[in-house]
Amino acid sequence: MSIDFNKKISSPSVEIVIQVRDKNGNPTGKTKTFGGESCRDACDWYNKQKPNKKKKRRKKKKEANK
C-alpha cells in the first residue's frame, strides 16, 4: 500500500452543521450539513432552513341583522 501525498483534496472553505430540533426545542438526533466555497451560498442555504410560520386565519365576524 502506498500513500500519495501529492494529491490535494480540496475541502470547502465554509462548512456548517446544524442540529435539528423539534417544536419544543429538544434535539431529534438529525443534522443538516452544508459545505461550499462562498459565504453568500452558505447564507442563502441557512435562510432556506428556517421554518415558515403559518399565518393565523382571522375569523369572519357575523354581520348584525337589522
PDB file of N, CA and C in Angstrom:
ATOM      1  N   MET A   1       0.845  -1.168   0.000  1.00  0.00           N
ATOM      2  CA  MET A   1       0.000   0.000   0.000  1.00  0.00           C
ATOM      3  C   MET A   1       0.893   1.233   0.000  1.00  0.00           C
ATOM      4  N   SER A   2       0.627   2.150  -0.891  1.00  0.00           N
ATOM      5  CA  SER A   2       1.419   3.374  -0.949  1.00  0.00           C
ATOM      6  C   SER A   2       0.526   4.579  -0.700  1.00  0.00           C
ATOM      7  N   ILE A   3       1.103   5.558  -0.088  1.00  0.00           N
ATOM      8  CA  ILE A   3       0.386   6.795   0.203  1.00  0.00           C
ATOM      9  C   ILE A   3       0.939   7.878  -0.707  1.00  0.00           C
ATOM     10  N   ASP A   4       0.046   8.540  -1.405  1.00  0.00           N
ATOM     11  CA  ASP A   4       0.442   9.598  -2.330  1.00  0.00           C
ATOM     12  C   ASP A   4       0.122  10.948  -1.702  1.00  0.00           C
ATOM     13  N   PHE A   5       1.155  11.677  -1.295  1.00  0.00           N
ATOM     14  CA  PHE A   5       0.975  12.971  -0.669  1.00  0.00           C
ATOM     15  C   PHE A   5       0.860  14.102  -1.685  1.00  0.00           C
ATOM     16  N   ASN A   6       1.028  13.803  -2.960  1.00  0.00           N
ATOM     17  CA  ASN A   6       0.950  14.832  -3.990  1.00  0.00           C
ATOM     18  C   ASN A   6      -0.494  15.177  -4.345  1.00  0.00           C
ATOM     19  N   LYS A   7      -1.408  14.270  -4.059  1.00  0.00           N
ATOM     20  CA  LYS A   7      -2.811  14.545  -4.341  1.00  0.00           C
ATOM     21  C   LYS A   7      -3.334  15.516  -3.289  1.00  0.00           C
ATOM     22  N   LYS A   8      -3.939  16.570  -3.764  1.00  0.00           N
ATOM     23  CA  LYS A   8      -4.521  17.538  -2.841  1.00  0.00           C
ATOM     24  C   LYS A   8      -6.034  17.407  -2.903  1.00  0.00           C
ATOM     25  N   ILE A   9      -6.613  17.131  -1.777  1.00  0.00           N
ATOM     26  CA  ILE A   9      -8.059  17.063  -1.695  1.00  0.00           C
ATOM     27  C   ILE A   9      -8.535  18.433  -1.224  1.00  0.00           C
ATOM     28  N   SER A  10      -9.298  19.083  -2.074  1.00  0.00           N
ATOM     29  CA  SER A  10      -9.759  20.415  -1.698  1.00  0.00           C
ATOM     30  C   SER A  10     -10.983  20.285  -0.803  1.00  0.00           C
ATOM     31  N   SER A  11     -10.914  20.934   0.312  1.00  0.00           N
ATOM     32  CA  SER A  11     -12.046  20.935   1.216  1.00  0.00           C
ATOM     33  C   SER A  11     -12.746  22.278   1.111  1.00  0.00           C
ATOM     34  N   PRO A  12     -14.036  22.299   1.348  1.00  0.00           N
ATOM     35  CA  PRO A  12     -14.746  23.571   1.241  1.00  0.00           C
ATOM     36  C   PRO A  12     -14.277  24.559   2.301  1.00  0.00           C
ATOM     37  N   SER A  13     -14.335  25.837   1.955  1.00  0.00           N
ATOM     38  CA  SER A  13     -13.872  26.857   2.893  1.00  0.00           C
ATOM     39  C   SER A  13     -14.917  27.152   3.963  1.00  0.00           C
ATOM     40  N   VAL A  14     -16.179  26.809   3.690  1.00  0.00           N
ATOM     41  CA  VAL A  14     -17.254  27.038   4.658  1.00  0.00           C
ATOM     42  C   VAL A  14     -17.977  25.722   4.892  1.00  0.00           C
ATOM     43  N   GLU A  15     -18.066  25.307   6.143  1.00  0.00           N
ATOM     44  CA  GLU A  15     -18.833  24.115   6.498  1.00  0.00           C
ATOM     45  C   GLU A  15     -19.748  24.461   7.665  1.00  0.00           C
ATOM     46  N   ILE A  16     -21.019  24.078   7.545  1.00  0.00           N
ATOM     47  CA  ILE A  16     -21.993  24.341   8.595  1.00  0.00           C
ATOM     48  C   ILE A  16     -22.705  23.036   8.923  1.00  0.00           C
ATOM     49  N   VAL A  17     -22.826  22.738  10.210  1.00  0.00           N
ATOM     50  CA  VAL A  17     -23.597  21.584  10.672  1.00  0.00           C
ATOM     51  C   VAL A  17     -24.626  22.107  11.668  1.00  0.00           C
ATOM     52  N   ILE A  18     -25.896  21.811  11.393  1.00  0.00           N
ATOM     53  CA  ILE A  18     -26.983  22.296  12.240  1.00  0.00           C
ATOM     54  C   ILE A  18     -27.696  21.112  12.860  1.00  0.00           C
ATOM     55  N   GLN A  19     -27.960  21.197  14.155  1.00  0.00           N
ATOM     56  CA  GLN A  19     -28.718  20.177  14.882  1.00  0.00           C
ATOM     57  C   GLN A  19     -30.205  20.453  14.679  1.00  0.00           C
ATOM     58  N   VAL A  20     -30.943  19.437  14.244  1.00  0.00           N
ATOM     59  CA  VAL A  20     -32.377  19.592  14.029  1.00  0.00           C
ATOM     60  C   VAL A  20     -33.093  19.406  15.367  1.00  0.00           C
ATOM     61  N   ARG A  21     -34.020  20.314  15.653  1.00  0.00           N
ATOM     62  CA  ARG A  21     -34.776  20.259  16.912  1.00  0.00           C
ATOM     63  C   ARG A  21     -36.269  20.257  16.621  1.00  0.00           C
ATOM     64  N   ASP A  22     -37.030  19.707  17.567  1.00  0.00           N
ATOM     65  CA  ASP A  22     -38.480  19.695  17.392  1.00  0.00           C
ATOM     66  C   ASP A  22     -39.086  21.007  17.874  1.00  0.00           C
ATOM     67  N   LYS A  23     -40.421  21.079  17.872  1.00  0.00           N
ATOM     68  CA  LYS A  23     -41.073  22.351  18.211  1.00  0.00           C
ATOM     69  C   LYS A  23     -40.855  22.767  19.660  1.00  0.00           C
ATOM     70  N   ASN A  24     -40.496  21.822  20.539  1.00  0.00           N
ATOM     71  CA  ASN A  24     -40.246  22.147  21.939  1.00  0.00           C
ATOM     72  C   ASN A  24     -38.787  22.488  22.206  1.00  0.00           C
ATOM     73  N   GLY A  25     -37.924  22.371  21.195  1.00  0.00           N
ATOM     74  CA  GLY A  25     -36.512  22.699  21.354  1.00  0.00           C
ATOM     75  C   GLY A  25     -35.637  21.523  21.710  1.00  0.00           C
ATOM     76  N   ASN A  26     -36.204  20.319  21.723  1.00  0.00           N
ATOM     77  CA  ASN A  26     -35.420  19.127  22.039  1.00  0.00           C
ATOM     78  C   ASN A  26     -34.735  18.599  20.778  1.00  0.00           C
ATOM     79  N   PRO A  27     -33.480  18.155  20.865  1.00  0.00           N
ATOM     80  CA  PRO A  27     -32.790  17.635  19.675  1.00  0.00           C
ATOM     81  C   PRO A  27     -33.429  16.330  19.199  1.00  0.00           C
ATOM     82  N   THR A  28     -33.532  16.186  17.871  1.00  0.00           N
ATOM     83  CA  THR A  28     -34.137  14.986  17.295  1.00  0.00           C
ATOM     84  C   THR A  28     -33.094  13.931  16.941  1.00  0.00           C
ATOM     85  N   GLY A  29     -31.821  14.297  16.954  1.00  0.00           N
ATOM     86  CA  GLY A  29     -30.768  13.361  16.578  1.00  0.00           C
ATOM     87  C   GLY A  29     -30.359  13.491  15.126  1.00  0.00           C
ATOM     88  N   LYS A  30     -31.069  14.301  14.352  1.00  0.00           N
ATOM     89  CA  LYS A  30     -30.732  14.517  12.944  1.00  0.00           C
ATOM     90  C   LYS A  30     -29.917  15.793  12.812  1.00  0.00           C
ATOM     91  N   THR A  31     -29.088  15.854  11.772  1.00  0.00           N
ATOM     92  CA  THR A  31     -28.316  17.053  11.485  1.00  0.00           C
ATOM     93  C   THR A  31     -28.470  17.425  10.019  1.00  0.00           C
ATOM     94  N   LYS A  32     -28.277  18.698   9.716  1.00  0.00           N
ATOM     95  CA  LYS A  32     -28.243  19.194   8.340  1.00  0.00           C
ATOM     96  C   LYS A  32     -26.867  19.796   8.130  1.00  0.00           C
ATOM     97  N   THR A  33     -26.231  19.485   7.009  1.00  0.00           N
ATOM     98  CA  THR A  33     -24.884  19.981   6.751  1.00  0.00           C
ATOM     99  C   THR A  33     -24.839  20.751   5.437  1.00  0.00           C
ATOM    100  N   PHE A  34     -23.892  21.667   5.369  1.00  0.00           N
ATOM    101  CA  PHE A  34     -23.631  22.428   4.151  1.00  0.00           C
ATOM    102  C   PHE A  34     -22.143  22.653   4.046  1.00  0.00           C
ATOM    103  N   GLY A  35     -21.615  22.507   2.848  1.00  0.00           N
ATOM    104  CA  GLY A  35     -20.217  22.807   2.587  1.00  0.00           C
ATOM    105  C   GLY A  35     -20.115  23.531   1.260  1.00  0.00           C
ATOM    106  N   GLY A  36     -19.391  24.626   1.223  1.00  0.00           N
ATOM    107  CA  GLY A  36     -19.278  25.388  -0.003  1.00  0.00           C
ATOM    108  C   GLY A  36     -18.094  26.323   0.021  1.00  0.00           C
ATOM    109  N   GLU A  37     -17.939  27.044  -1.050  1.00  0.00           N
ATOM    110  CA  GLU A  37     -16.799  27.936  -1.194  1.00  0.00           C
ATOM    111  C   GLU A  37     -17.116  29.380  -0.815  1.00  0.00           C
ATOM    112  N   SER A  38     -18.376  29.787  -0.967  1.00  0.00           N
ATOM    113  CA  SER A  38     -18.668  31.197  -0.713  1.00  0.00           C
ATOM    114  C   SER A  38     -19.577  31.358   0.491  1.00  0.00           C
ATOM    115  N   CYS A  39     -19.383  32.442   1.196  1.00  0.00           N
ATOM    116  CA  CYS A  39     -20.218  32.746   2.360  1.00  0.00           C
ATOM    117  C   CYS A  39     -21.632  33.110   1.936  1.00  0.00           C
ATOM    118  N   ARG A  40     -21.769  33.670   0.760  1.00  0.00           N
ATOM    119  CA  ARG A  40     -23.098  34.044   0.251  1.00  0.00           C
ATOM    120  C   ARG A  40     -23.956  32.790   0.049  1.00  0.00           C
ATOM    121  N   ASP A  41     -23.360  31.716  -0.504  1.00  0.00           N
ATOM    122  CA  ASP A  41     -24.103  30.462  -0.673  1.00  0.00           C
ATOM    123  C   ASP A  41     -24.505  29.893   0.679  1.00  0.00           C
ATOM    124  N   ALA A  42     -23.628  29.989   1.663  1.00  0.00           N
ATOM    125  CA  ALA A  42     -23.923  29.488   2.999  1.00  0.00           C
ATOM    126  C   ALA A  42     -25.070  30.286   3.616  1.00  0.00           C
ATOM    127  N   CYS A  43     -25.066  31.583   3.411  1.00  0.00           N
ATOM    128  CA  CYS A  43     -26.131  32.438   3.936  1.00  0.00           C
ATOM    129  C   CYS A  43     -27.469  32.088   3.283  1.00  0.00           C
ATOM    130  N   ASP A  44     -27.470  31.886   1.973  1.00  0.00           N
ATOM    131  CA  ASP A  44     -28.696  31.507   1.269  1.00  0.00           C
ATOM    132  C   ASP A  44     -29.218  30.165   1.763  1.00  0.00           C
ATOM    133  N   TRP A  45     -28.315  29.196   1.955  1.00  0.00           N
ATOM    134  CA  TRP A  45     -28.705  27.871   2.450  1.00  0.00           C
ATOM    135  C   TRP A  45     -29.293  27.984   3.847  1.00  0.00           C
ATOM    136  N   TYR A  46     -28.669  28.771   4.709  1.00  0.00           N
ATOM    137  CA  TYR A  46     -29.138  28.923   6.084  1.00  0.00           C
ATOM    138  C   TYR A  46     -30.533  29.544   6.127  1.00  0.00           C
ATOM    139  N   ASN A  47     -30.765  30.551   5.288  1.00  0.00           N
ATOM    140  CA  ASN A  47     -32.073  31.205   5.268  1.00  0.00           C
ATOM    141  C   ASN A  47     -33.165  30.266   4.772  1.00  0.00           C
ATOM    142  N   LYS A  48     -32.821  29.301   3.926  1.00  0.00           N
ATOM    143  CA  LYS A  48     -33.802  28.327   3.452  1.00  0.00           C
ATOM    144  C   LYS A  48     -34.164  27.319   4.540  1.00  0.00           C
ATOM    145  N   GLN A  49     -33.315  27.145   5.545  1.00  0.00           N
ATOM    146  CA  GLN A  49     -33.544  26.155   6.595  1.00  0.00           C
ATOM    147  C   GLN A  49     -34.530  26.628   7.654  1.00  0.00           C
ATOM    148  N   LYS A  50     -34.802  27.915   7.705  1.00  0.00           N
ATOM    149  CA  LYS A  50     -35.713  28.444   8.717  1.00  0.00           C
ATOM    150  C   LYS A  50     -37.132  27.970   8.425  1.00  0.00           C
ATOM    151  N   PRO A  51     -37.853  27.519   9.437  1.00  0.00           N
ATOM    152  CA  PRO A  51     -39.237  27.089   9.202  1.00  0.00           C
ATOM    153  C   PRO A  51     -40.137  28.287   8.933  1.00  0.00           C
ATOM    154  N   ASN A  52     -41.099  28.089   8.064  1.00  0.00           N
ATOM    155  CA  ASN A  52     -42.056  29.147   7.760  1.00  0.00           C
ATOM    156  C   ASN A  52     -43.168  29.109   8.801  1.00  0.00           C
ATOM    157  N   LYS A  53     -43.473  30.250   9.367  1.00  0.00           N
ATOM    158  CA  LYS A  53     -44.565  30.309  10.328  1.00  0.00           C
ATOM    159  C   LYS A  53     -45.890  30.325   9.579  1.00  0.00           C
ATOM    160  N   LYS A  54     -46.850  29.587  10.111  1.00  0.00           N
ATOM    161  CA  LYS A  54     -48.163  29.553   9.490  1.00  0.00           C
ATOM    162  C   LYS A  54     -48.903  30.840   9.817  1.00  0.00           C
ATOM    163  N   LYS A  55     -49.618  31.344   8.842  1.00  0.00           N
ATOM    164  CA  LYS A  55     -50.413  32.541   9.056  1.00  0.00           C
ATOM    165  C   LYS A  55     -51.691  32.148   9.780  1.00  0.00           C
ATOM    166  N   LYS A  56     -52.039  32.931  10.777  1.00  0.00           N
ATOM    167  CA  LYS A  56     -53.276  32.677  11.516  1.00  0.00           C
ATOM    168  C   LYS A  56     -54.450  33.225  10.730  1.00  0.00           C
ATOM    169  N   ARG A  57     -55.476  32.409  10.625  1.00  0.00           N
ATOM    170  CA  ARG A  57     -56.673  32.861   9.930  1.00  0.00           C
ATOM    171  C   ARG A  57     -57.535  33.678  10.878  1.00  0.00           C
ATOM    172  N   ARG A  58     -58.076  34.729  10.353  1.00  0.00           N
ATOM    173  CA  ARG A  58     -58.971  35.565  11.142  1.00  0.00           C
ATOM    174  C   ARG A  58     -60.390  35.057  10.964  1.00  0.00           C
ATOM    175  N   LYS A  59     -61.100  34.970  12.049  1.00  0.00           N
ATOM    176  CA  LYS A  59     -62.490  34.548  11.973  1.00  0.00           C
ATOM    177  C   LYS A  59     -63.323  35.690  11.418  1.00  0.00           C
ATOM    178  N   LYS A  60     -64.231  35.333  10.538  1.00  0.00           N
ATOM    179  CA  LYS A  60     -65.116  36.350   9.968  1.00  0.00           C
ATOM    180  C   LYS A  60     -66.170  36.722  10.996  1.00  0.00           C
ATOM    181  N   LYS A  61     -66.376  37.992  11.137  1.00  0.00           N
ATOM    182  CA  LYS A  61     -67.388  38.474  12.071  1.00  0.00           C
ATOM    183  C   LYS A  61     -68.769  38.366  11.411  1.00  0.00           C
ATOM    184  N   LYS A  62     -69.727  37.904  12.190  1.00  0.00           N
ATOM    185  CA  LYS A  62     -71.081  37.822  11.672  1.00  0.00           C
ATOM    186  C   LYS A  62     -71.687  39.221  11.662  1.00  0.00           C
ATOM    187  N   GLU A  63     -72.330  39.515  10.565  1.00  0.00           N
ATOM    188  CA  GLU A  63     -72.950  40.842  10.433  1.00  0.00           C
ATOM    189  C   GLU A  63     -74.225  40.903  11.274  1.00  0.00           C
ATOM    190  N   ALA A  64     -74.404  41.982  11.926  1.00  0.00           N
ATOM    191  CA  ALA A  64     -75.610  42.172  12.734  1.00  0.00           C
ATOM    192  C   ALA A  64     -76.798  42.418  11.818  1.00  0.00           C
ATOM    193  N   ASN A  65     -77.833  41.632  12.010  1.00  0.00           N
ATOM    194  CA  ASN A  65     -79.056  41.797  11.195  1.00  0.00           C
ATOM    195  C   ASN A  65     -79.898  42.922  11.779  1.00  0.00           C
ATOM    196  N   LYS A  66     -80.356  43.811  10.919  1.00  0.00           N
ATOM    197  CA  LYS A  66     -81.172  44.939  11.365  1.00  0.00           C
ATOM    198  C   LYS A  66     -82.604  44.766  10.968  1.00  0.00           C
TER     199      LYS A  66
END
